[in-house]
Every structure is written in structure tokens, then in C-alpha cells.
């Protein structure tokens, strides 16, 4: 029993990377659904983290997210990811309306070795509960975020260390900040190897005093 308990609490670099990458995938899908960036009928219901989540069935979007997450997974293994940002922009106004920011801190003592089997100790159930709390907050975000009154599109920005090798298929981007934004800090989770802090920023409207 003691051995089984110790094993279930072990989080390796590879395991931590998989947990964080998977979290990003479900979070992005949840945001795109909750904020109406894609039609609700293009999502299917799945069970994850003890919750009923929605993931896209749009083939183009699925392929795009798969490519981004695959590259992100590689950078997480190297410990070079600083943050992932989902930017929502109005199609007509071209204004950045929301920024969902996932700040990433990596234990450099683990990622520097590149040893996928080096482990830290933390119960997986505890990690899953922390992730569940964040997903619940994303779902509840519609209660405080301003309505998106125009068709919107989104971009994914990955901030990495300066010396990170970037594939030719990726391009440089400005941070896409929002002037005079309201910031709402959400919960965080840690695997003891990677820590992810979450927040959302949105553009202040004329009627912000009523929010």
C-alpha cells in the first residue's frame, strides 16, 4: 500500500507537461465556447476533471489547436514557456476585447536536466481539484464579462524565453495589450514542476460602472 501511494503521488517532467498541455486544450475550448467565438452546435460534450466540458468538433479549429499544443508541449518540456495568451478581437472594430493569460513558472532544476523521469511529489487528485476550480471559473466568467456585441476572432500567443528556437511556421506578434483594462485574477494550480496562474483582462465599456 505504501509503495502504491508513493507512485500515485509522483509527478515527472513528462507527466507534468502532459497535465499542463491537456489543461490548456480544455481551457481554450471552454473559453471559445463560453464567449461564443464559434457556434455552440460545433461543440460536443465530454467528461473531464469531474465536469461536463465542451470541445470543438470543427475540423479546422481542432487541427490548429493540435498543432499549437504539440509545439507548446515541446517548450514546456524545455521549461521555456513564460505564458500562453488567448486574445479575443472584434472582427469589425479590430479592437482587442479580452485577453486570457496563463502565466507559467517552471522548476528549472527539473527542466534544465531534461530528465523526463525526474519526479516531484503531489497527489494527482489534488492537482485535478485545482484545475477543476479554474475551469469552473472560466465557465462562470459570463456572469461578469461584458457582452461581445460583434463577431469575434481569436489568436493564441506564446511567450517564451529569448533563446527559444521558434519554428518557421510561427511569426512574431506584439503582446496585444488592452488599454485601461480591467483585470480579474482566477485561481492557479501547480504540479510542483509547472505552476500556472490564470487571469482575464477585458476592455472597459462606457457602462462599466454597472458591472
N, C-alpha and C. Protein backbone atom coordinates (compact mmCIF):
# COMPACT_ATOMS: atom_id res chain seq x y z
N UNK A 1 0.83 -1.20 0.00
CA UNK A 1 0.00 0.00 0.00
C UNK A 1 0.87 1.26 0.00
N UNK A 2 1.92 1.26 0.80
CA UNK A 2 2.79 2.44 0.87
C UNK A 2 3.45 2.71 -0.47
N UNK A 3 3.88 1.66 -1.16
CA UNK A 3 4.53 1.83 -2.47
C UNK A 3 3.55 2.38 -3.49
N UNK A 4 2.33 1.86 -3.49
CA UNK A 4 1.32 2.33 -4.44
C UNK A 4 1.00 3.80 -4.20
N UNK A 5 0.93 4.20 -2.93
CA UNK A 5 0.65 5.59 -2.60
C UNK A 5 1.75 6.50 -3.08
N UNK A 6 3.00 6.10 -2.89
CA UNK A 6 4.13 6.92 -3.31
C UNK A 6 4.13 7.09 -4.82
N UNK A 7 3.85 6.02 -5.54
CA UNK A 7 3.85 6.07 -7.00
C UNK A 7 2.76 7.00 -7.52
N UNK A 8 1.56 6.95 -6.91
CA UNK A 8 0.45 7.78 -7.38
C UNK A 8 0.72 9.25 -7.15
N UNK A 9 1.61 9.57 -6.22
CA UNK A 9 1.93 10.96 -5.92
C UNK A 9 3.10 11.49 -6.74
N UNK A 10 3.75 10.65 -7.49
CA UNK A 10 4.92 11.08 -8.26
C UNK A 10 4.49 11.81 -9.54
N UNK A 11 5.04 12.99 -9.73
CA UNK A 11 4.79 13.77 -10.95
C UNK A 11 6.13 13.99 -11.64
N UNK A 12 6.30 13.39 -12.81
CA UNK A 12 7.54 13.56 -13.57
C UNK A 12 7.42 14.78 -14.48
N UNK A 13 8.54 15.19 -15.06
CA UNK A 13 8.53 16.29 -16.03
C UNK A 13 7.59 15.98 -17.18
N UNK A 14 7.65 14.77 -17.68
CA UNK A 14 6.78 14.36 -18.78
C UNK A 14 5.31 14.38 -18.35
N UNK A 15 5.05 13.84 -17.15
CA UNK A 15 3.68 13.82 -16.66
C UNK A 15 3.14 15.21 -16.41
N UNK A 16 3.96 16.09 -15.84
CA UNK A 16 3.56 17.46 -15.60
C UNK A 16 3.25 18.18 -16.90
N UNK A 17 4.10 17.98 -17.89
CA UNK A 17 3.90 18.60 -19.20
C UNK A 17 2.59 18.15 -19.82
N UNK A 18 2.28 16.87 -19.70
CA UNK A 18 1.03 16.35 -20.26
C UNK A 18 -0.17 16.96 -19.55
N UNK A 19 -0.09 17.08 -18.22
CA UNK A 19 -1.18 17.67 -17.45
C UNK A 19 -1.43 19.12 -17.86
N UNK A 20 -0.35 19.91 -17.97
CA UNK A 20 -0.49 21.33 -18.32
C UNK A 20 -0.99 21.50 -19.75
N UNK A 21 -0.46 20.71 -20.68
CA UNK A 21 -0.89 20.81 -22.08
C UNK A 21 -2.37 20.46 -22.21
N UNK A 22 -2.78 19.40 -21.53
CA UNK A 22 -4.19 18.99 -21.57
C UNK A 22 -5.07 20.08 -20.97
N UNK A 23 -4.63 20.67 -19.87
CA UNK A 23 -5.38 21.77 -19.26
C UNK A 23 -5.56 22.92 -20.23
N UNK A 24 -4.49 23.29 -20.93
CA UNK A 24 -4.59 24.38 -21.91
C UNK A 24 -5.62 24.04 -22.98
N UNK A 25 -5.61 22.80 -23.46
CA UNK A 25 -6.55 22.40 -24.51
C UNK A 25 -8.00 22.56 -24.06
N UNK A 26 -8.32 22.05 -22.88
CA UNK A 26 -9.69 22.15 -22.39
C UNK A 26 -10.05 23.59 -22.04
N UNK A 27 -9.11 24.36 -21.52
CA UNK A 27 -9.38 25.77 -21.18
C UNK A 27 -9.69 26.58 -22.43
N UNK A 28 -8.88 26.41 -23.47
CA UNK A 28 -9.10 27.14 -24.72
C UNK A 28 -10.48 26.80 -25.28
N UNK A 29 -10.81 25.51 -25.33
CA UNK A 29 -12.13 25.10 -25.83
C UNK A 29 -13.24 25.72 -25.00
N UNK A 30 -13.08 25.74 -23.69
CA UNK A 30 -14.11 26.28 -22.80
C UNK A 30 -14.31 27.78 -23.04
N UNK A 31 -13.20 28.50 -23.21
CA UNK A 31 -13.29 29.95 -23.45
C UNK A 31 -13.98 30.21 -24.79
N UNK A 32 -13.57 29.49 -25.82
CA UNK A 32 -14.17 29.70 -27.15
C UNK A 32 -15.66 29.41 -27.14
N UNK A 33 -16.07 28.42 -26.35
CA UNK A 33 -17.49 28.10 -26.25
C UNK A 33 -18.22 29.15 -25.42
N UNK A 34 -17.70 29.43 -24.22
CA UNK A 34 -18.38 30.36 -23.31
C UNK A 34 -18.51 31.76 -23.90
N UNK A 35 -17.53 32.18 -24.68
CA UNK A 35 -17.55 33.53 -25.24
C UNK A 35 -18.17 33.58 -26.64
N UNK A 36 -18.67 32.44 -27.11
CA UNK A 36 -19.42 32.41 -28.36
C UNK A 36 -18.59 32.71 -29.60
N UNK A 37 -17.29 32.39 -29.55
CA UNK A 37 -16.43 32.65 -30.70
C UNK A 37 -16.78 31.71 -31.85
N UNK A 38 -17.21 30.50 -31.51
CA UNK A 38 -17.69 29.53 -32.50
C UNK A 38 -19.11 29.13 -32.12
N UNK A 39 -19.95 28.74 -33.09
CA UNK A 39 -21.34 28.35 -32.79
C UNK A 39 -21.40 27.19 -31.80
N UNK A 40 -22.35 27.22 -30.86
CA UNK A 40 -22.44 26.17 -29.84
C UNK A 40 -22.66 24.78 -30.42
N UNK A 41 -23.30 24.71 -31.58
CA UNK A 41 -23.57 23.40 -32.17
C UNK A 41 -22.32 22.73 -32.73
N UNK A 42 -21.20 23.46 -32.79
CA UNK A 42 -19.95 22.87 -33.29
C UNK A 42 -19.12 22.26 -32.15
N UNK A 43 -19.70 22.21 -30.95
CA UNK A 43 -19.01 21.63 -29.79
C UNK A 43 -19.72 20.36 -29.34
N UNK A 44 -18.96 19.44 -28.78
CA UNK A 44 -19.53 18.22 -28.21
C UNK A 44 -19.20 18.17 -26.72
N UNK A 45 -20.04 17.48 -25.97
CA UNK A 45 -19.87 17.38 -24.53
C UNK A 45 -18.98 16.19 -24.18
N UNK A 46 -18.00 16.42 -23.30
CA UNK A 46 -17.12 15.35 -22.82
C UNK A 46 -17.00 15.47 -21.30
N UNK A 47 -16.56 14.40 -20.67
CA UNK A 47 -16.38 14.41 -19.22
C UNK A 47 -14.89 14.46 -18.89
N UNK A 48 -14.51 15.46 -18.08
CA UNK A 48 -13.10 15.62 -17.69
C UNK A 48 -13.04 16.43 -16.40
N UNK A 49 -12.12 16.09 -15.52
CA UNK A 49 -11.94 16.78 -14.24
C UNK A 49 -13.20 16.72 -13.38
N UNK A 50 -14.04 15.71 -13.60
CA UNK A 50 -15.28 15.61 -12.86
C UNK A 50 -16.32 16.60 -13.33
N UNK A 51 -16.13 17.18 -14.51
CA UNK A 51 -17.04 18.18 -15.06
C UNK A 51 -17.51 17.76 -16.46
N UNK A 52 -18.61 18.34 -16.89
CA UNK A 52 -19.06 18.19 -18.27
C UNK A 52 -18.50 19.37 -19.06
N UNK A 53 -17.54 19.10 -19.95
CA UNK A 53 -16.89 20.16 -20.72
C UNK A 53 -17.29 20.06 -22.18
N UNK A 54 -17.04 21.16 -22.91
CA UNK A 54 -17.35 21.18 -24.34
C UNK A 54 -16.08 21.38 -25.13
N UNK A 55 -15.92 20.56 -26.17
CA UNK A 55 -14.75 20.65 -27.05
C UNK A 55 -15.22 20.74 -28.49
N UNK A 56 -14.45 21.42 -29.29
CA UNK A 56 -14.85 21.67 -30.67
C UNK A 56 -14.86 20.41 -31.53
N UNK A 57 -15.80 20.39 -32.46
CA UNK A 57 -15.83 19.35 -33.49
C UNK A 57 -15.47 19.95 -34.85
N UNK A 58 -15.14 21.26 -34.85
CA UNK A 58 -14.73 21.92 -36.09
C UNK A 58 -13.36 21.39 -36.49
N UNK A 59 -13.26 20.79 -37.67
CA UNK A 59 -12.02 20.12 -38.08
C UNK A 59 -10.86 21.09 -38.20
N UNK A 60 -11.08 22.25 -38.79
CA UNK A 60 -10.01 23.22 -38.97
C UNK A 60 -9.50 23.71 -37.61
N UNK A 61 -10.43 24.03 -36.70
CA UNK A 61 -10.04 24.51 -35.38
C UNK A 61 -9.32 23.41 -34.61
N UNK A 62 -9.82 22.19 -34.70
CA UNK A 62 -9.19 21.06 -33.99
C UNK A 62 -7.76 20.86 -34.45
N UNK A 63 -7.53 20.93 -35.75
CA UNK A 63 -6.18 20.75 -36.29
C UNK A 63 -5.26 21.88 -35.86
N UNK A 64 -5.79 23.10 -35.85
CA UNK A 64 -4.99 24.26 -35.43
C UNK A 64 -4.57 24.12 -33.97
N UNK A 65 -5.53 23.79 -33.11
CA UNK A 65 -5.23 23.65 -31.69
C UNK A 65 -4.24 22.51 -31.45
N UNK A 66 -4.39 21.43 -32.19
CA UNK A 66 -3.48 20.29 -32.04
C UNK A 66 -2.05 20.68 -32.36
N UNK A 67 -1.86 21.48 -33.43
CA UNK A 67 -0.52 21.93 -33.82
C UNK A 67 0.08 22.85 -32.75
N UNK A 68 -0.73 23.78 -32.25
CA UNK A 68 -0.24 24.72 -31.24
C UNK A 68 0.14 23.98 -29.96
N UNK A 69 -0.73 23.08 -29.52
CA UNK A 69 -0.50 22.36 -28.27
C UNK A 69 0.70 21.41 -28.37
N UNK A 70 0.92 20.85 -29.55
CA UNK A 70 2.07 19.98 -29.74
C UNK A 70 3.37 20.76 -29.58
N UNK A 71 3.43 21.96 -30.16
CA UNK A 71 4.62 22.79 -30.02
C UNK A 71 4.76 23.29 -28.58
N UNK A 72 3.64 23.65 -27.98
CA UNK A 72 3.64 24.12 -26.60
C UNK A 72 4.16 23.03 -25.66
N UNK A 73 3.78 21.80 -25.93
CA UNK A 73 4.23 20.67 -25.12
C UNK A 73 5.75 20.54 -25.17
N UNK A 74 6.32 20.73 -26.35
CA UNK A 74 7.76 20.66 -26.51
C UNK A 74 8.46 21.74 -25.70
N UNK A 75 7.92 22.97 -25.74
CA UNK A 75 8.51 24.09 -25.00
C UNK A 75 8.34 23.91 -23.49
N UNK A 76 7.22 23.32 -23.06
CA UNK A 76 7.01 23.05 -21.64
C UNK A 76 8.04 22.05 -21.12
N UNK A 77 8.37 21.06 -21.92
CA UNK A 77 9.39 20.08 -21.54
C UNK A 77 10.74 20.76 -21.33
N UNK A 78 11.01 21.80 -22.14
CA UNK A 78 12.27 22.52 -22.05
C UNK A 78 12.25 23.58 -20.96
N UNK A 79 11.04 23.89 -20.44
CA UNK A 79 10.92 24.92 -19.41
C UNK A 79 11.07 26.33 -19.94
N UNK A 80 10.75 26.54 -21.23
CA UNK A 80 10.97 27.85 -21.85
C UNK A 80 9.69 28.67 -22.03
N UNK A 81 8.54 28.12 -21.62
CA UNK A 81 7.28 28.85 -21.77
C UNK A 81 7.09 29.81 -20.59
N UNK A 82 6.82 31.06 -20.90
CA UNK A 82 6.54 32.06 -19.86
C UNK A 82 5.04 32.26 -19.67
N UNK A 83 4.33 32.30 -20.79
CA UNK A 83 2.88 32.45 -20.70
C UNK A 83 2.21 32.08 -22.02
N UNK A 84 0.95 31.67 -21.91
CA UNK A 84 0.08 31.45 -23.07
C UNK A 84 -1.03 32.48 -22.96
N UNK A 85 -1.32 33.17 -24.06
CA UNK A 85 -2.35 34.21 -24.06
C UNK A 85 -3.36 33.94 -25.17
N UNK A 86 -4.63 33.90 -24.80
CA UNK A 86 -5.70 33.80 -25.79
C UNK A 86 -6.29 35.20 -25.95
N UNK A 87 -6.18 35.75 -27.14
CA UNK A 87 -6.63 37.12 -27.42
C UNK A 87 -7.92 37.07 -28.24
N UNK A 88 -8.95 37.76 -27.76
CA UNK A 88 -10.21 37.85 -28.49
C UNK A 88 -10.32 39.25 -29.09
N UNK A 89 -10.52 39.30 -30.40
CA UNK A 89 -10.54 40.57 -31.14
C UNK A 89 -11.83 40.71 -31.91
N UNK A 90 -12.40 41.92 -31.93
CA UNK A 90 -13.59 42.19 -32.72
C UNK A 90 -13.26 42.17 -34.20
N UNK A 91 -14.06 41.48 -34.98
CA UNK A 91 -13.81 41.36 -36.43
C UNK A 91 -13.95 42.71 -37.11
N UNK A 92 -14.96 43.48 -36.74
CA UNK A 92 -15.22 44.76 -37.41
C UNK A 92 -14.38 45.89 -36.79
N UNK A 93 -14.34 45.96 -35.47
CA UNK A 93 -13.64 47.06 -34.80
C UNK A 93 -12.13 46.87 -34.78
N UNK A 94 -11.69 45.62 -34.94
CA UNK A 94 -10.25 45.26 -34.85
C UNK A 94 -9.68 45.52 -33.46
N UNK A 95 -10.53 45.77 -32.49
CA UNK A 95 -10.07 46.05 -31.13
C UNK A 95 -9.92 44.76 -30.33
N UNK A 96 -8.88 44.72 -29.50
CA UNK A 96 -8.71 43.59 -28.58
C UNK A 96 -9.70 43.78 -27.44
N UNK A 97 -10.61 42.82 -27.29
CA UNK A 97 -11.67 42.94 -26.30
C UNK A 97 -11.38 42.16 -25.02
N UNK A 98 -10.67 41.03 -25.16
CA UNK A 98 -10.32 40.22 -23.99
C UNK A 98 -8.96 39.57 -24.17
N UNK A 99 -8.26 39.38 -23.06
CA UNK A 99 -7.00 38.62 -23.04
C UNK A 99 -7.06 37.63 -21.89
N UNK A 100 -7.02 36.37 -22.22
CA UNK A 100 -6.96 35.31 -21.21
C UNK A 100 -5.49 34.91 -21.08
N UNK A 101 -4.92 35.16 -19.92
CA UNK A 101 -3.47 34.97 -19.73
C UNK A 101 -3.22 33.81 -18.77
N UNK A 102 -2.39 32.88 -19.23
CA UNK A 102 -1.97 31.76 -18.40
C UNK A 102 -0.46 31.88 -18.19
N UNK A 103 -0.06 32.41 -17.03
CA UNK A 103 1.36 32.56 -16.72
C UNK A 103 1.92 31.22 -16.25
N UNK A 104 3.10 30.88 -16.75
CA UNK A 104 3.70 29.58 -16.46
C UNK A 104 5.04 29.78 -15.76
N UNK A 105 5.21 29.11 -14.64
CA UNK A 105 6.51 29.06 -13.96
C UNK A 105 6.96 27.61 -13.93
N UNK A 106 8.20 27.37 -14.33
CA UNK A 106 8.74 26.01 -14.34
C UNK A 106 9.87 25.88 -13.34
N UNK A 107 9.96 24.72 -12.72
CA UNK A 107 11.06 24.42 -11.81
C UNK A 107 12.29 24.13 -12.67
N UNK A 108 13.16 25.11 -12.79
CA UNK A 108 14.32 25.00 -13.67
C UNK A 108 15.27 23.88 -13.24
N UNK A 109 15.23 23.52 -11.97
CA UNK A 109 16.10 22.43 -11.52
C UNK A 109 15.70 21.10 -12.14
N UNK A 110 14.42 21.01 -12.56
CA UNK A 110 13.93 19.80 -13.22
C UNK A 110 14.04 19.92 -14.73
N UNK A 111 13.54 21.03 -15.29
CA UNK A 111 13.53 21.18 -16.74
C UNK A 111 14.93 21.31 -17.31
N UNK A 112 15.87 21.85 -16.55
CA UNK A 112 17.24 22.02 -17.04
C UNK A 112 17.93 20.68 -17.28
N UNK A 113 17.54 19.68 -16.50
CA UNK A 113 18.16 18.36 -16.67
C UNK A 113 17.63 17.64 -17.89
N UNK A 114 16.38 17.99 -18.28
CA UNK A 114 15.77 17.32 -19.42
C UNK A 114 15.42 15.87 -19.14
N UNK A 115 15.48 15.47 -17.87
CA UNK A 115 15.18 14.09 -17.49
C UNK A 115 13.67 13.92 -17.33
N UNK A 116 13.00 13.23 -18.26
CA UNK A 116 11.54 13.11 -18.20
C UNK A 116 11.05 12.27 -17.03
N UNK A 117 11.98 11.55 -16.36
CA UNK A 117 11.58 10.66 -15.27
C UNK A 117 11.83 11.27 -13.89
N UNK A 118 12.52 12.43 -13.83
CA UNK A 118 12.74 13.07 -12.54
C UNK A 118 11.40 13.52 -11.98
N UNK A 119 11.16 13.23 -10.71
CA UNK A 119 9.82 13.40 -10.18
C UNK A 119 9.76 14.31 -8.96
N UNK A 120 8.60 14.94 -8.79
CA UNK A 120 8.22 15.65 -7.58
C UNK A 120 7.03 14.91 -6.97
N UNK A 121 6.70 15.26 -5.74
CA UNK A 121 5.61 14.57 -5.06
C UNK A 121 4.39 15.50 -4.89
N UNK A 122 3.27 15.09 -5.45
CA UNK A 122 2.00 15.77 -5.22
C UNK A 122 0.87 14.86 -5.67
N UNK A 123 -0.16 14.67 -4.86
CA UNK A 123 -1.28 13.81 -5.25
C UNK A 123 -1.97 14.33 -6.52
N UNK A 124 -2.19 13.45 -7.48
CA UNK A 124 -2.86 13.85 -8.73
C UNK A 124 -4.27 14.36 -8.46
N UNK A 125 -4.93 13.78 -7.48
CA UNK A 125 -6.29 14.21 -7.16
C UNK A 125 -6.29 15.68 -6.75
N UNK A 126 -5.26 16.10 -6.02
CA UNK A 126 -5.16 17.50 -5.59
C UNK A 126 -4.96 18.41 -6.80
N UNK A 127 -4.13 17.98 -7.75
CA UNK A 127 -3.92 18.76 -8.98
C UNK A 127 -5.21 18.88 -9.76
N UNK A 128 -5.93 17.76 -9.92
CA UNK A 128 -7.18 17.75 -10.68
C UNK A 128 -8.22 18.66 -10.02
N UNK A 129 -8.26 18.69 -8.68
CA UNK A 129 -9.20 19.57 -7.99
C UNK A 129 -8.87 21.04 -8.23
N UNK A 130 -7.58 21.37 -8.27
CA UNK A 130 -7.16 22.75 -8.54
C UNK A 130 -7.54 23.16 -9.97
N UNK A 131 -7.35 22.23 -10.92
CA UNK A 131 -7.71 22.51 -12.31
C UNK A 131 -9.22 22.65 -12.45
N UNK A 132 -9.95 21.79 -11.77
CA UNK A 132 -11.42 21.85 -11.80
C UNK A 132 -11.91 23.23 -11.37
N UNK A 133 -11.28 23.79 -10.32
CA UNK A 133 -11.69 25.10 -9.82
C UNK A 133 -11.49 26.19 -10.88
N UNK A 134 -10.40 26.10 -11.64
CA UNK A 134 -10.14 27.09 -12.70
C UNK A 134 -11.17 26.96 -13.81
N UNK A 135 -11.44 25.73 -14.24
CA UNK A 135 -12.41 25.51 -15.31
C UNK A 135 -13.79 26.03 -14.89
N UNK A 136 -14.15 25.82 -13.63
CA UNK A 136 -15.43 26.34 -13.13
C UNK A 136 -15.47 27.86 -13.23
N UNK A 137 -14.34 28.51 -12.93
CA UNK A 137 -14.30 29.98 -13.02
C UNK A 137 -14.43 30.45 -14.46
N UNK A 138 -13.80 29.72 -15.39
CA UNK A 138 -13.94 30.08 -16.80
C UNK A 138 -15.40 29.97 -17.23
N UNK A 139 -16.06 28.89 -16.79
CA UNK A 139 -17.47 28.70 -17.12
C UNK A 139 -18.33 29.81 -16.55
N UNK A 140 -17.98 30.26 -15.34
CA UNK A 140 -18.77 31.31 -14.67
C UNK A 140 -18.43 32.72 -15.16
N UNK A 141 -17.44 32.84 -16.04
CA UNK A 141 -16.97 34.17 -16.46
C UNK A 141 -18.05 34.99 -17.16
N UNK A 142 -19.05 34.31 -17.74
CA UNK A 142 -20.11 35.05 -18.44
C UNK A 142 -20.90 35.93 -17.49
N UNK A 143 -20.79 35.67 -16.19
CA UNK A 143 -21.54 36.48 -15.23
C UNK A 143 -20.93 37.85 -14.99
N UNK A 144 -19.65 38.04 -15.34
CA UNK A 144 -19.04 39.35 -15.10
C UNK A 144 -18.39 39.97 -16.33
N UNK A 145 -18.14 39.19 -17.37
CA UNK A 145 -17.52 39.76 -18.57
C UNK A 145 -18.56 40.50 -19.41
N UNK A 146 -18.18 41.64 -20.01
CA UNK A 146 -19.11 42.36 -20.88
C UNK A 146 -19.51 41.51 -22.08
N UNK A 147 -20.71 41.75 -22.58
CA UNK A 147 -21.16 41.04 -23.77
C UNK A 147 -20.27 41.40 -24.95
N UNK A 148 -20.00 40.42 -25.78
CA UNK A 148 -19.27 40.67 -27.03
C UNK A 148 -20.31 41.01 -28.09
N UNK A 149 -20.41 42.29 -28.42
CA UNK A 149 -21.51 42.76 -29.26
C UNK A 149 -21.20 42.75 -30.76
N UNK A 150 -20.14 42.06 -31.13
CA UNK A 150 -19.81 41.92 -32.55
C UNK A 150 -19.16 40.56 -32.77
N UNK A 151 -19.15 40.07 -33.99
CA UNK A 151 -18.45 38.81 -34.27
C UNK A 151 -16.98 38.95 -33.90
N UNK A 152 -16.42 37.91 -33.31
CA UNK A 152 -15.04 37.99 -32.84
C UNK A 152 -14.20 36.84 -33.37
N UNK A 153 -12.91 37.07 -33.38
CA UNK A 153 -11.95 36.04 -33.72
C UNK A 153 -10.94 35.93 -32.58
N UNK A 154 -10.07 34.93 -32.64
CA UNK A 154 -9.12 34.77 -31.55
C UNK A 154 -7.74 34.42 -32.09
N UNK A 155 -6.73 34.71 -31.28
CA UNK A 155 -5.35 34.33 -31.58
C UNK A 155 -4.74 33.73 -30.32
N UNK A 156 -3.78 32.83 -30.52
CA UNK A 156 -3.03 32.27 -29.40
C UNK A 156 -1.60 32.77 -29.47
N UNK A 157 -1.13 33.41 -28.42
CA UNK A 157 0.23 33.92 -28.34
C UNK A 157 0.98 33.13 -27.28
N UNK A 158 2.20 32.72 -27.59
CA UNK A 158 3.03 32.01 -26.62
C UNK A 158 4.28 32.85 -26.36
N UNK A 159 4.48 33.26 -25.12
CA UNK A 159 5.67 34.00 -24.73
C UNK A 159 6.71 32.98 -24.24
N UNK A 160 7.89 33.02 -24.84
CA UNK A 160 8.94 32.08 -24.47
C UNK A 160 10.22 32.82 -24.10
N UNK A 161 11.19 32.09 -23.57
CA UNK A 161 12.50 32.68 -23.30
C UNK A 161 13.12 33.16 -24.61
N UNK A 162 13.99 34.17 -24.51
CA UNK A 162 14.56 34.80 -25.70
C UNK A 162 15.33 33.84 -26.59
N UNK A 163 16.00 32.86 -26.00
CA UNK A 163 16.84 31.96 -26.78
C UNK A 163 16.11 30.71 -27.26
N UNK A 164 14.77 30.73 -27.17
CA UNK A 164 13.98 29.57 -27.60
C UNK A 164 13.95 29.48 -29.13
N UNK A 165 14.15 28.28 -29.63
CA UNK A 165 14.08 28.07 -31.08
C UNK A 165 12.62 28.02 -31.51
N UNK A 166 12.26 28.89 -32.46
CA UNK A 166 10.87 29.02 -32.91
C UNK A 166 10.74 28.49 -34.34
N UNK A 167 9.78 27.60 -34.61
CA UNK A 167 9.59 27.07 -35.96
C UNK A 167 9.28 28.18 -36.96
N UNK A 168 9.62 27.96 -38.22
CA UNK A 168 9.40 28.97 -39.26
C UNK A 168 7.91 29.23 -39.49
N UNK A 169 7.06 28.25 -39.14
CA UNK A 169 5.63 28.42 -39.34
C UNK A 169 5.00 29.37 -38.32
N UNK A 170 5.77 29.76 -37.31
CA UNK A 170 5.29 30.72 -36.32
C UNK A 170 5.83 32.10 -36.67
N UNK A 171 5.11 33.14 -36.25
CA UNK A 171 5.54 34.51 -36.55
C UNK A 171 5.52 35.36 -35.29
N UNK A 172 6.32 36.42 -35.30
CA UNK A 172 6.39 37.33 -34.17
C UNK A 172 5.07 38.12 -34.06
N UNK A 173 4.70 38.46 -32.84
CA UNK A 173 3.49 39.24 -32.61
C UNK A 173 3.73 40.22 -31.48
N UNK A 174 2.98 41.34 -31.50
CA UNK A 174 3.04 42.24 -30.36
C UNK A 174 2.16 41.64 -29.26
N UNK A 175 2.27 42.10 -28.02
CA UNK A 175 1.54 41.48 -26.90
C UNK A 175 0.02 41.64 -26.97
N UNK A 176 -0.45 42.59 -27.82
CA UNK A 176 -1.90 42.81 -27.97
C UNK A 176 -2.55 43.20 -26.65
N UNK A 177 -1.95 44.16 -25.97
CA UNK A 177 -2.48 44.61 -24.68
C UNK A 177 -3.76 45.41 -24.87
N UNK A 178 -4.55 45.52 -23.81
CA UNK A 178 -5.78 46.32 -23.80
C UNK A 178 -5.52 47.56 -22.96
N UNK A 179 -5.74 48.73 -23.55
CA UNK A 179 -5.55 49.97 -22.80
C UNK A 179 -6.66 50.12 -21.76
N UNK A 180 -6.29 50.55 -20.55
CA UNK A 180 -7.25 50.78 -19.47
C UNK A 180 -8.12 49.55 -19.23
N UNK A 181 -7.48 48.40 -19.11
CA UNK A 181 -8.21 47.14 -18.96
C UNK A 181 -8.59 46.87 -17.51
N UNK A 182 -9.64 46.09 -17.34
CA UNK A 182 -9.98 45.54 -16.03
C UNK A 182 -9.43 44.12 -15.97
N UNK A 183 -8.70 43.83 -14.89
CA UNK A 183 -8.09 42.51 -14.74
C UNK A 183 -8.80 41.73 -13.63
N UNK A 184 -9.09 40.48 -13.93
CA UNK A 184 -9.69 39.60 -12.94
C UNK A 184 -8.80 38.37 -12.79
N UNK A 185 -8.24 38.22 -11.61
CA UNK A 185 -7.35 37.09 -11.36
C UNK A 185 -8.17 35.86 -11.01
N UNK A 186 -7.88 34.76 -11.68
CA UNK A 186 -8.53 33.49 -11.40
C UNK A 186 -7.60 32.63 -10.55
N UNK A 187 -8.00 31.41 -10.30
CA UNK A 187 -7.20 30.52 -9.46
C UNK A 187 -5.96 30.03 -10.20
N UNK A 188 -5.13 29.30 -9.50
CA UNK A 188 -3.92 28.74 -10.09
C UNK A 188 -3.83 27.26 -9.72
N UNK A 189 -2.93 26.56 -10.40
CA UNK A 189 -2.64 25.19 -10.00
C UNK A 189 -1.16 24.92 -10.20
N UNK A 190 -0.66 23.93 -9.48
CA UNK A 190 0.75 23.56 -9.62
C UNK A 190 0.91 22.06 -9.56
N UNK A 191 1.84 21.57 -10.36
CA UNK A 191 2.21 20.15 -10.33
C UNK A 191 3.48 19.96 -9.51
N UNK A 192 4.00 21.04 -8.98
CA UNK A 192 5.30 21.12 -8.29
C UNK A 192 6.46 21.24 -9.30
N UNK A 193 6.17 20.99 -10.59
CA UNK A 193 7.17 21.20 -11.64
C UNK A 193 6.77 22.42 -12.49
N UNK A 194 5.48 22.49 -12.82
CA UNK A 194 4.94 23.66 -13.51
C UNK A 194 3.85 24.28 -12.64
N UNK A 195 3.85 25.61 -12.58
CA UNK A 195 2.76 26.33 -11.92
C UNK A 195 2.09 27.23 -12.95
N UNK A 196 0.76 27.24 -12.97
CA UNK A 196 0.01 28.05 -13.93
C UNK A 196 -0.92 28.99 -13.17
N UNK A 197 -0.72 30.30 -13.37
CA UNK A 197 -1.61 31.33 -12.83
C UNK A 197 -2.48 31.85 -13.96
N UNK A 198 -3.75 32.07 -13.67
CA UNK A 198 -4.70 32.44 -14.71
C UNK A 198 -5.36 33.78 -14.40
N UNK A 199 -5.54 34.61 -15.42
CA UNK A 199 -6.30 35.84 -15.25
C UNK A 199 -6.93 36.22 -16.59
N UNK A 200 -7.97 37.04 -16.52
CA UNK A 200 -8.60 37.54 -17.73
C UNK A 200 -8.66 39.05 -17.65
N UNK A 201 -8.34 39.70 -18.75
CA UNK A 201 -8.42 41.17 -18.85
C UNK A 201 -9.45 41.51 -19.91
N UNK A 202 -10.25 42.54 -19.65
CA UNK A 202 -11.24 42.93 -20.66
C UNK A 202 -11.31 44.45 -20.77
N UNK A 203 -11.76 44.87 -21.93
CA UNK A 203 -11.82 46.30 -22.23
C UNK A 203 -12.96 46.95 -21.46
N UNK A 204 -12.66 48.07 -20.84
CA UNK A 204 -13.70 48.80 -20.12
C UNK A 204 -14.69 49.42 -21.08
N UNK A 205 -15.96 49.26 -20.78
CA UNK A 205 -17.01 49.86 -21.59
C UNK A 205 -17.51 51.13 -20.90
N UNK A 206 -18.33 51.88 -21.61
CA UNK A 206 -18.89 53.12 -21.06
C UNK A 206 -19.69 52.83 -19.80
N UNK A 207 -20.36 51.65 -19.81
CA UNK A 207 -21.24 51.31 -18.69
C UNK A 207 -20.56 50.41 -17.68
N UNK A 208 -19.25 50.46 -17.62
CA UNK A 208 -18.51 49.56 -16.73
C UNK A 208 -18.92 49.75 -15.27
N UNK A 209 -19.41 50.97 -14.91
CA UNK A 209 -19.79 51.23 -13.52
C UNK A 209 -20.95 50.32 -13.08
N UNK A 210 -21.68 49.82 -14.07
CA UNK A 210 -22.83 48.97 -13.75
C UNK A 210 -22.46 47.51 -13.66
N UNK A 211 -21.19 47.15 -13.97
CA UNK A 211 -20.79 45.75 -13.98
C UNK A 211 -20.49 45.28 -12.57
